[in-house]
PDB file of all heavy atoms in Angstrom:
ATOM      1  N   SER A   1     119.721 -23.526-182.533  1.00  0.00           N
ATOM      2  CA  SER A   1     120.668 -24.719-182.462  1.00  0.00           C
ATOM      3  C   SER A   1     121.562 -24.795-183.709  1.00  0.00           C
ATOM      4  O   SER A   1     121.159 -24.618-184.856  1.00  0.00           O
ATOM      5  CB  SER A   1     119.818 -26.103-182.399  1.00  0.00           C
ATOM      6  OG  SER A   1     120.697 -27.137-182.504  1.00  0.00           O
ATOM      7  N   ALA A   2     122.900 -25.216-183.373  1.00  0.00           N
ATOM      8  CA  ALA A   2     123.821 -25.463-184.499  1.00  0.00           C
ATOM      9  C   ALA A   2     123.469 -26.617-185.326  1.00  0.00           C
ATOM     10  O   ALA A   2     123.995 -26.735-186.512  1.00  0.00           O
ATOM     11  CB  ALA A   2     125.171 -25.536-184.033  1.00  0.00           C
ATOM     12  N   PHE A   3     122.552 -27.397-184.871  1.00  0.00           N
ATOM     13  CA  PHE A   3     122.203 -28.687-185.664  1.00  0.00           C
ATOM     14  C   PHE A   3     120.877 -28.453-186.414  1.00  0.00           C
ATOM     15  O   PHE A   3     120.617 -29.305-187.262  1.00  0.00           O
ATOM     16  CB  PHE A   3     121.959 -29.877-184.651  1.00  0.00           C
ATOM     17  CG  PHE A   3     123.228 -30.345-184.013  1.00  0.00           C
ATOM     18  CD1 PHE A   3     123.661 -30.018-182.725  1.00  0.00           C
ATOM     19  CD2 PHE A   3     124.059 -31.230-184.784  1.00  0.00           C
ATOM     20  CE1 PHE A   3     124.851 -30.462-182.189  1.00  0.00           C
ATOM     21  CE2 PHE A   3     125.185 -31.812-184.159  1.00  0.00           C
ATOM     22  CZ  PHE A   3     125.604 -31.361-182.851  1.00  0.00           C
ATOM     23  N   PHE A   4     120.154 -27.399-186.090  1.00  0.00           N
ATOM     24  CA  PHE A   4     118.815 -27.267-186.718  1.00  0.00           C
ATOM     25  C   PHE A   4     119.005 -26.826-188.204  1.00  0.00           C
ATOM     26  O   PHE A   4     119.570 -25.736-188.509  1.00  0.00           O
ATOM     27  CB  PHE A   4     117.990 -26.234-185.974  1.00  0.00           C
ATOM     28  CG  PHE A   4     116.648 -25.954-186.606  1.00  0.00           C
ATOM     29  CD1 PHE A   4     115.616 -26.847-186.296  1.00  0.00           C
ATOM     30  CD2 PHE A   4     116.427 -24.930-187.559  1.00  0.00           C
ATOM     31  CE1 PHE A   4     114.314 -26.635-186.885  1.00  0.00           C
ATOM     32  CE2 PHE A   4     115.232 -24.736-188.166  1.00  0.00           C
ATOM     33  CZ  PHE A   4     114.198 -25.539-187.778  1.00  0.00           C
ATOM     34  N   ASP A   5     118.530 -27.679-189.103  1.00  0.00           N
ATOM     35  CA  ASP A   5     118.581 -27.366-190.575  1.00  0.00           C
ATOM     36  C   ASP A   5     119.977 -26.986-191.083  1.00  0.00           C
ATOM     37  O   ASP A   5     120.154 -26.119-191.975  1.00  0.00           O
ATOM     38  CB  ASP A   5     117.634 -26.215-190.837  1.00  0.00           C
ATOM     39  CG  ASP A   5     117.048 -26.246-192.299  1.00  0.00           C
ATOM     40  OD1 ASP A   5     117.259 -27.398-192.945  1.00  0.00           O
ATOM     41  OD2 ASP A   5     116.551 -25.251-192.765  1.00  0.00           O
ATOM     42  N   THR A   6     121.018 -27.637-190.570  1.00  0.00           N
ATOM     43  CA  THR A   6     122.365 -27.467-191.147  1.00  0.00           C
ATOM     44  C   THR A   6     122.887 -28.984-191.365  1.00  0.00           C
ATOM     45  O   THR A   6     122.144 -29.901-191.018  1.00  0.00           O
ATOM     46  CB  THR A   6     123.311 -26.867-190.084  1.00  0.00           C
ATOM     47  OG1 THR A   6     123.528 -27.814-188.990  1.00  0.00           O
ATOM     48  CG2 THR A   6     122.771 -25.645-189.564  1.00  0.00           C
ATOM     49  N   GLN A   7     124.034 -29.092-191.866  1.00  0.00           N
ATOM     50  CA  GLN A   7     124.698 -30.383-192.104  1.00  0.00           C
ATOM     51  C   GLN A   7     125.632 -30.791-190.981  1.00  0.00           C
ATOM     52  O   GLN A   7     126.548 -31.592-191.202  1.00  0.00           O
ATOM     53  CB  GLN A   7     125.358 -30.467-193.455  1.00  0.00           C
ATOM     54  CG  GLN A   7     124.258 -30.454-194.673  1.00  0.00           C
ATOM     55  CD  GLN A   7     124.955 -30.860-195.949  1.00  0.00           C
ATOM     56  OE1 GLN A   7     126.115 -30.426-196.248  1.00  0.00           O
ATOM     57  NE2 GLN A   7     124.224 -31.538-196.829  1.00  0.00           N
ATOM     58  N   LEU A   8     125.607 -30.095-189.885  1.00  0.00           N
ATOM     59  CA  LEU A   8     126.603 -30.323-188.847  1.00  0.00           C
ATOM     60  C   LEU A   8     126.640 -31.795-188.445  1.00  0.00           C
ATOM     61  O   LEU A   8     127.656 -32.348-188.274  1.00  0.00           O
ATOM     62  CB  LEU A   8     126.348 -29.361-187.684  1.00  0.00           C
ATOM     63  CG  LEU A   8     127.354 -29.561-186.539  1.00  0.00           C
ATOM     64  CD1 LEU A   8     128.720 -29.182-186.969  1.00  0.00           C
ATOM     65  CD2 LEU A   8     126.909 -28.643-185.325  1.00  0.00           C
ATOM     66  N   ASP A   9     125.526 -32.338-188.174  1.00  0.00           N
ATOM     67  CA  ASP A   9     125.492 -33.741-187.765  1.00  0.00           C
ATOM     68  C   ASP A   9     126.065 -34.644-188.803  1.00  0.00           C
ATOM     69  O   ASP A   9     126.896 -35.605-188.540  1.00  0.00           O
ATOM     70  CB  ASP A   9     124.032 -34.212-187.411  1.00  0.00           C
ATOM     71  CG  ASP A   9     123.973 -35.666-187.007  1.00  0.00           C
ATOM     72  OD1 ASP A   9     124.801 -36.057-186.206  1.00  0.00           O
ATOM     73  OD2 ASP A   9     123.076 -36.351-187.329  1.00  0.00           O
ATOM     74  N   ASP A  10     125.753 -34.356-190.135  1.00  0.00           N
ATOM     75  CA  ASP A  10     126.287 -35.219-191.196  1.00  0.00           C
ATOM     76  C   ASP A  10     127.913 -35.156-191.258  1.00  0.00           C
ATOM     77  O   ASP A  10     128.568 -36.091-191.365  1.00  0.00           O
ATOM     78  CB  ASP A  10     125.813 -34.723-192.539  1.00  0.00           C
ATOM     79  CG  ASP A  10     124.315 -35.078-192.656  1.00  0.00           C
ATOM     80  OD1 ASP A  10     123.858 -36.078-192.171  1.00  0.00           O
ATOM     81  OD2 ASP A  10     123.511 -34.220-193.222  1.00  0.00           O
ATOM     82  N   VAL A  11     128.402 -33.914-191.104  1.00  0.00           N
ATOM     83  CA  VAL A  11     129.854 -33.680-191.166  1.00  0.00           C
ATOM     84  C   VAL A  11     130.494 -34.289-189.963  1.00  0.00           C
ATOM     85  O   VAL A  11     131.448 -35.084-190.194  1.00  0.00           O
ATOM     86  CB  VAL A  11     130.164 -32.216-191.173  1.00  0.00           C
ATOM     87  CG1 VAL A  11     131.626 -31.958-191.068  1.00  0.00           C
ATOM     88  CG2 VAL A  11     129.623 -31.529-192.464  1.00  0.00           C
ATOM     89  N   LEU A  12     130.045 -34.210-188.757  1.00  0.00           N
ATOM     90  CA  LEU A  12     130.646 -34.772-187.596  1.00  0.00           C
ATOM     91  C   LEU A  12     130.540 -36.266-187.681  1.00  0.00           C
ATOM     92  O   LEU A  12     131.553 -36.981-187.363  1.00  0.00           O
ATOM     93  CB  LEU A  12     129.904 -34.281-186.383  1.00  0.00           C
ATOM     94  CG  LEU A  12     129.928 -32.792-185.947  1.00  0.00           C
ATOM     95  CD1 LEU A  12     129.198 -32.514-184.757  1.00  0.00           C
ATOM     96  CD2 LEU A  12     131.388 -32.302-185.928  1.00  0.00           C
ATOM     97  N   SER A  13     129.445 -36.884-188.123  1.00  0.00           N
ATOM     98  CA  SER A  13     129.378 -38.295-188.195  1.00  0.00           C
ATOM     99  C   SER A  13     130.292 -38.871-189.279  1.00  0.00           C
ATOM    100  O   SER A  13     130.981 -39.822-188.982  1.00  0.00           O
ATOM    101  CB  SER A  13     127.818 -38.716-188.699  1.00  0.00           C
ATOM    102  OG  SER A  13     126.918 -38.356-187.620  1.00  0.00           O
ATOM    103  N   ARG A  14     130.414 -38.179-190.399  1.00  0.00           N
ATOM    104  CA  ARG A  14     131.447 -38.663-191.381  1.00  0.00           C
ATOM    105  C   ARG A  14     132.814 -38.659-190.923  1.00  0.00           C
ATOM    106  O   ARG A  14     133.632 -39.517-191.312  1.00  0.00           O
ATOM    107  CB  ARG A  14     131.348 -37.825-192.662  1.00  0.00           C
ATOM    108  CG  ARG A  14     130.103 -38.065-193.523  1.00  0.00           C
ATOM    109  CD  ARG A  14     130.339 -37.538-194.918  1.00  0.00           C
ATOM    110  NE  ARG A  14     130.756 -36.102-194.926  1.00  0.00           N
ATOM    111  CZ  ARG A  14     129.809 -35.124-195.069  1.00  0.00           C
ATOM    112  NH1 ARG A  14     128.534 -35.397-195.199  1.00  0.00           N
ATOM    113  NH2 ARG A  14     130.263 -33.883-195.063  1.00  0.00           N
ATOM    114  N   GLU A  15     133.157 -37.751-190.004  1.00  0.00           N
ATOM    115  CA  GLU A  15     134.596 -37.618-189.484  1.00  0.00           C
ATOM    116  C   GLU A  15     134.747 -38.426-188.249  1.00  0.00           C
ATOM    117  O   GLU A  15     135.772 -38.322-187.648  1.00  0.00           O
ATOM    118  CB  GLU A  15     134.835 -36.117-189.275  1.00  0.00           C
ATOM    119  CG  GLU A  15     134.782 -35.329-190.524  1.00  0.00           C
ATOM    120  CD  GLU A  15     135.279 -33.959-190.411  1.00  0.00           C
ATOM    121  OE1 GLU A  15     135.648 -33.497-189.329  1.00  0.00           O
ATOM    122  OE2 GLU A  15     135.156 -33.122-191.471  1.00  0.00           O
ATOM    123  N   GLY A  16     133.753 -39.200-187.857  1.00  0.00           N
ATOM    124  CA  GLY A  16     133.958 -40.065-186.646  1.00  0.00           C
ATOM    125  C   GLY A  16     133.935 -39.302-185.261  1.00  0.00           C
ATOM    126  O   GLY A  16     134.511 -39.779-184.304  1.00  0.00           O
ATOM    127  N   ILE A  17     133.353 -38.133-185.278  1.00  0.00           N
ATOM    128  CA  ILE A  17     133.334 -37.255-184.092  1.00  0.00           C
ATOM    129  C   ILE A  17     132.267 -37.645-183.198  1.00  0.00           C
ATOM    130  O   ILE A  17     131.055 -37.799-183.649  1.00  0.00           O
ATOM    131  CB  ILE A  17     133.328 -35.756-184.462  1.00  0.00           C
ATOM    132  CG1 ILE A  17     134.600 -35.343-185.099  1.00  0.00           C
ATOM    133  CG2 ILE A  17     133.048 -34.930-183.225  1.00  0.00           C
ATOM    134  CD1 ILE A  17     134.638 -33.964-185.663  1.00  0.00           C
ATOM    135  N   ASN A  18     132.499 -37.881-181.910  1.00  0.00           N
ATOM    136  CA  ASN A  18     131.418 -38.294-180.982  1.00  0.00           C
ATOM    137  C   ASN A  18     131.191 -37.481-179.792  1.00  0.00           C
ATOM    138  O   ASN A  18     130.441 -37.713-178.983  1.00  0.00           O
ATOM    139  CB  ASN A  18     131.700 -39.705-180.537  1.00  0.00           C
ATOM    140  CG  ASN A  18     132.971 -39.824-179.569  1.00  0.00           C
ATOM    141  OD1 ASN A  18     133.658 -38.845-179.310  1.00  0.00           O
ATOM    142  ND2 ASN A  18     133.256 -41.000-179.033  1.00  0.00           N
ATOM    143  N   THR A  19     131.966 -36.287-179.828  1.00  0.00           N
ATOM    144  CA  THR A  19     131.892 -35.275-178.689  1.00  0.00           C
ATOM    145  C   THR A  19     131.935 -33.874-179.267  1.00  0.00           C
ATOM    146  O   THR A  19     132.687 -33.576-180.147  1.00  0.00           O
ATOM    147  CB  THR A  19     133.085 -35.601-177.739  1.00  0.00           C
ATOM    148  OG1 THR A  19     133.057 -36.877-177.274  1.00  0.00           O
ATOM    149  CG2 THR A  19     133.074 -34.607-176.552  1.00  0.00           C
ATOM    150  N   VAL A  20     131.069 -33.045-178.602  1.00  0.00           N
ATOM    151  CA  VAL A  20     131.177 -31.678-178.936  1.00  0.00           C
ATOM    152  C   VAL A  20     131.475 -30.855-177.702  1.00  0.00           C
ATOM    153  O   VAL A  20     130.961 -31.093-176.655  1.00  0.00           O
ATOM    154  CB  VAL A  20     129.897 -31.193-179.659  1.00  0.00           C
ATOM    155  CG1 VAL A  20     129.719 -31.765-181.038  1.00  0.00           C
ATOM    156  CG2 VAL A  20     128.616 -31.455-178.799  1.00  0.00           C
ATOM    157  N   VAL A  21     132.362 -29.789-177.884  1.00  0.00           N
ATOM    158  CA  VAL A  21     132.654 -28.880-176.787  1.00  0.00           C
ATOM    159  C   VAL A  21     131.983 -27.610-177.114  1.00  0.00           C
ATOM    160  O   VAL A  21     132.323 -27.040-178.181  1.00  0.00           O
ATOM    161  CB  VAL A  21     134.091 -28.751-176.604  1.00  0.00           C
ATOM    162  CG1 VAL A  21     134.493 -27.745-175.523  1.00  0.00           C
ATOM    163  CG2 VAL A  21     134.757 -30.005-176.220  1.00  0.00           C
ATOM    164  N   LEU A  22     131.213 -26.965-176.288  1.00  0.00           N
ATOM    165  CA  LEU A  22     130.404 -25.789-176.628  1.00  0.00           C
ATOM    166  C   LEU A  22     130.905 -24.614-175.890  1.00  0.00           C
ATOM    167  O   LEU A  22     131.167 -24.554-174.643  1.00  0.00           O
ATOM    168  CB  LEU A  22     128.959 -26.059-176.351  1.00  0.00           C
ATOM    169  CG  LEU A  22     128.309 -27.195-176.869  1.00  0.00           C
ATOM    170  CD1 LEU A  22     126.789 -27.202-176.434  1.00  0.00           C
ATOM    171  CD2 LEU A  22     128.471 -27.363-178.347  1.00  0.00           C
ATOM    172  N   ALA A  23     131.076 -23.566-176.667  1.00  0.00           N
ATOM    173  CA  ALA A  23     131.412 -22.202-176.056  1.00  0.00           C
ATOM    174  C   ALA A  23     130.635 -21.134-176.891  1.00  0.00           C
ATOM    175  O   ALA A  23     130.238 -21.470-178.098  1.00  0.00           O
ATOM    176  CB  ALA A  23     132.919 -21.875-176.114  1.00  0.00           C
ATOM    177  N   GLY A  24     130.462 -19.956-176.329  1.00  0.00           N
ATOM    178  CA  GLY A  24     129.746 -18.953-177.077  1.00  0.00           C
ATOM    179  C   GLY A  24     128.546 -18.323-176.425  1.00  0.00           C
ATOM    180  O   GLY A  24     128.432 -18.475-175.168  1.00  0.00           O
ATOM    181  N   THR A  25     127.578 -17.857-177.140  1.00  0.00           N
ATOM    182  CA  THR A  25     126.489 -17.164-176.495  1.00  0.00           C
ATOM    183  C   THR A  25     125.200 -17.464-177.419  1.00  0.00           C
ATOM    184  O   THR A  25     125.381 -17.801-178.601  1.00  0.00           O
ATOM    185  CB  THR A  25     126.715 -15.532-176.428  1.00  0.00           C
ATOM    186  OG1 THR A  25     125.878 -14.992-175.596  1.00  0.00           O
ATOM    187  CG2 THR A  25     126.753 -14.982-177.808  1.00  0.00           C
ATOM    188  N   THR A  26     123.961 -17.352-176.785  1.00  0.00           N
ATOM    189  CA  THR A  26     123.733 -17.229-175.408  1.00  0.00           C
ATOM    190  C   THR A  26     123.531 -18.584-174.787  1.00  0.00           C
ATOM    191  O   THR A  26     123.060 -19.450-175.512  1.00  0.00           O
ATOM    192  CB  THR A  26     122.510 -16.373-175.109  1.00  0.00           C
ATOM    193  OG1 THR A  26     121.342 -17.071-175.554  1.00  0.00           O
ATOM    194  CG2 THR A  26     122.666 -14.967-175.815  1.00  0.00           C
ATOM    195  N   THR A  27     123.826 -18.653-173.484  1.00  0.00           N
ATOM    196  CA  THR A  27     123.660 -19.977-172.872  1.00  0.00           C
ATOM    197  C   THR A  27     122.181 -20.517-172.987  1.00  0.00           C
ATOM    198  O   THR A  27     122.071 -21.685-173.239  1.00  0.00           O
ATOM    199  CB  THR A  27     124.140 -19.913-171.350  1.00  0.00           C
ATOM    200  OG1 THR A  27     125.511 -19.370-171.338  1.00  0.00           O
ATOM    201  CG2 THR A  27     124.125 -21.284-170.710  1.00  0.00           C
ATOM    202  N   PRO A  28     121.194 -19.827-172.566  1.00  0.00           N
ATOM    203  CA  PRO A  28     119.827 -20.371-172.558  1.00  0.00           C
ATOM    204  C   PRO A  28     119.260 -20.608-173.951  1.00  0.00           C
ATOM    205  O   PRO A  28     118.333 -21.328-174.098  1.00  0.00           O
ATOM    206  CB  PRO A  28     118.941 -19.365-171.768  1.00  0.00           C
ATOM    207  CG  PRO A  28     119.777 -18.027-171.951  1.00  0.00           C
ATOM    208  CD  PRO A  28     121.153 -18.383-172.020  1.00  0.00           C
ATOM    209  N   ASN A  29     119.823 -19.971-174.985  1.00  0.00           N
ATOM    210  CA  ASN A  29     119.207 -20.052-176.293  1.00  0.00           C
ATOM    211  C   ASN A  29     120.035 -20.999-177.199  1.00  0.00           C
ATOM    212  O   ASN A  29     119.786 -22.184-177.315  1.00  0.00           O
ATOM    213  CB  ASN A  29     119.007 -18.704-177.013  1.00  0.00           C
ATOM    214  CG  ASN A  29     118.028 -17.831-176.242  1.00  0.00           C
ATOM    215  OD1 ASN A  29     117.142 -18.418-175.528  1.00  0.00           O
ATOM    216  ND2 ASN A  29     118.076 -16.570-176.375  1.00  0.00           N
ATOM    217  N   CYS A  30     121.119 -20.421-177.788  1.00  0.00           N
ATOM    218  CA  CYS A  30     121.932 -21.138-178.887  1.00  0.00           C
ATOM    219  C   CYS A  30     122.748 -22.226-178.239  1.00  0.00           C
ATOM    220  O   CYS A  30     122.881 -23.312-178.777  1.00  0.00           O
ATOM    221  CB  CYS A  30     122.646 -20.161-179.601  1.00  0.00           C
ATOM    222  SG  CYS A  30     121.640 -18.944-180.448  1.00  0.00           S
ATOM    223  N   VAL A  31     123.423 -21.957-177.094  1.00  0.00           N
ATOM    224  CA  VAL A  31     124.213 -23.016-176.496  1.00  0.00           C
ATOM    225  C   VAL A  31     123.396 -24.144-175.876  1.00  0.00           C
ATOM    226  O   VAL A  31     123.629 -25.335-176.205  1.00  0.00           O
ATOM    227  CB  VAL A  31     125.130 -22.388-175.363  1.00  0.00           C
ATOM    228  CG1 VAL A  31     125.785 -23.524-174.618  1.00  0.00           C
ATOM    229  CG2 VAL A  31     126.108 -21.405-175.916  1.00  0.00           C
ATOM    230  N   ARG A  32     122.321 -23.845-175.227  1.00  0.00           N
ATOM    231  CA  ARG A  32     121.401 -24.862-174.577  1.00  0.00           C
ATOM    232  C   ARG A  32     120.733 -25.689-175.702  1.00  0.00           C
ATOM    233  O   ARG A  32     120.703 -26.928-175.687  1.00  0.00           O
ATOM    234  CB  ARG A  32     120.511 -24.262-173.643  1.00  0.00           C
ATOM    235  CG  ARG A  32     119.535 -25.214-172.965  1.00  0.00           C
ATOM    236  CD  ARG A  32     118.780 -24.670-171.844  1.00  0.00           C
ATOM    237  NE  ARG A  32     117.754 -25.554-171.399  1.00  0.00           N
ATOM    238  CZ  ARG A  32     117.208 -25.570-170.190  1.00  0.00           C
ATOM    239  NH1 ARG A  32     117.553 -24.638-169.403  1.00  0.00           N
ATOM    240  NH2 ARG A  32     116.303 -26.339-169.867  1.00  0.00           N
ATOM    241  N   SER A  33     120.206 -25.016-176.777  1.00  0.00           N
ATOM    242  CA  SER A  33     119.545 -25.824-177.717  1.00  0.00           C
ATOM    243  C   SER A  33     120.443 -26.629-178.528  1.00  0.00           C
ATOM    244  O   SER A  33     120.136 -27.760-178.901  1.00  0.00           O
ATOM    245  CB  SER A  33     118.748 -24.851-178.695  1.00  0.00           C
ATOM    246  OG  SER A  33     119.592 -23.922-179.375  1.00  0.00           O
ATOM    247  N   THR A  34     121.667 -26.174-178.719  1.00  0.00           N
ATOM    248  CA  THR A  34     122.704 -27.056-179.366  1.00  0.00           C
ATOM    249  C   THR A  34     123.039 -28.207-178.497  1.00  0.00           C
ATOM    250  O   THR A  34     123.223 -29.370-178.966  1.00  0.00           O
ATOM    251  CB  THR A  34     123.941 -26.193-179.699  1.00  0.00           C
ATOM    252  OG1 THR A  34     123.630 -25.143-180.672  1.00  0.00           O
ATOM    253  CG2 THR A  34     125.046 -27.087-180.350  1.00  0.00           C
ATOM    254  N   CYS A  35     123.221 -27.992-177.221  1.00  0.00           N
ATOM    255  CA  CYS A  35     123.405 -29.016-176.269  1.00  0.00           C
ATOM    256  C   CYS A  35     122.447 -30.180-176.258  1.00  0.00           C
ATOM    257  O   CYS A  35     122.752 -31.326-176.348  1.00  0.00           O
ATOM    258  CB  CYS A  35     123.555 -28.448-174.882  1.00  0.00           C
ATOM    259  SG  CYS A  35     123.609 -29.618-173.502  1.00  0.00           S
ATOM    260  N   TYR A  36     121.167 -29.741-176.244  1.00  0.00           N
ATOM    261  CA  TYR A  36     120.113 -30.706-176.212  1.00  0.00           C
ATOM    262  C   TYR A  36     119.931 -31.497-177.467  1.00  0.00           C
ATOM    263  O   TYR A  36     119.796 -32.705-177.567  1.00  0.00           O
ATOM    264  CB  TYR A  36     118.800 -30.026-175.804  1.00  0.00           C
ATOM    265  CG  TYR A  36     118.692 -29.825-174.369  1.00  0.00           C
ATOM    266  CD1 TYR A  36     119.477 -29.071-173.593  1.00  0.00           C
ATOM    267  CD2 TYR A  36     117.471 -30.433-173.641  1.00  0.00           C
ATOM    268  CE1 TYR A  36     119.402 -28.979-172.179  1.00  0.00           C
ATOM    269  CE2 TYR A  36     117.439 -30.243-172.242  1.00  0.00           C
ATOM    270  CZ  TYR A  36     118.370 -29.538-171.604  1.00  0.00           C
ATOM    271  OH  TYR A  36     118.129 -29.283-170.283  1.00  0.00           O
ATOM    272  N   ASP A  37     120.146 -30.788-178.622  1.00  0.00           N
ATOM    273  CA  ASP A  37     120.142 -31.544-179.937  1.00  0.00           C
ATOM    274  C   ASP A  37     121.315 -32.461-179.961  1.00  0.00           C
ATOM    275  O   ASP A  37     121.180 -33.529-180.517  1.00  0.00           O
ATOM    276  CB  ASP A  37     120.180 -30.516-181.020  1.00  0.00           C
ATOM    277  CG  ASP A  37     118.900 -29.896-181.339  1.00  0.00           C
ATOM    278  OD1 ASP A  37     117.823 -30.281-180.722  1.00  0.00           O
ATOM    279  OD2 ASP A  37     118.782 -28.945-182.112  1.00  0.00           O
ATOM    280  N   ALA A  38     122.445 -32.157-179.500  1.00  0.00           N
ATOM    281  CA  ALA A  38     123.605 -33.002-179.591  1.00  0.00           C
ATOM    282  C   ALA A  38     123.330 -34.276-178.691  1.00  0.00           C
ATOM    283  O   ALA A  38     123.708 -35.295-179.097  1.00  0.00           O
ATOM    284  CB  ALA A  38     124.906 -32.228-179.103  1.00  0.00           C
ATOM    285  N   LEU A  39     122.815 -34.020-177.482  1.00  0.00           N
ATOM    286  CA  LEU A  39     122.534 -35.191-176.606  1.00  0.00           C
ATOM    287  C   LEU A  39     121.442 -36.082-177.392  1.00  0.00           C
ATOM    288  O   LEU A  39     121.535 -37.326-177.318  1.00  0.00           O
ATOM    289  CB  LEU A  39     121.955 -34.593-175.382  1.00  0.00           C
ATOM    290  CG  LEU A  39     122.983 -33.984-174.414  1.00  0.00           C
ATOM    291  CD1 LEU A  39     122.284 -33.346-173.214  1.00  0.00           C
ATOM    292  CD2 LEU A  39     124.013 -35.043-173.903  1.00  0.00           C
TER     293      LEU A  39
END
C-alpha cells in the first residue's frame, strides 16, 4: 500500500485532498491495498 508506513496521508490531509485516483500495477496487490487503505 502507498499509505503503509509512509507520510502520504499526512501530506494529502495537509493539502486538503479528499480524493485519490489510482493507476499502476499490480491491481490485486499494490493498487487494491492502496484503494482499501484510502477508503
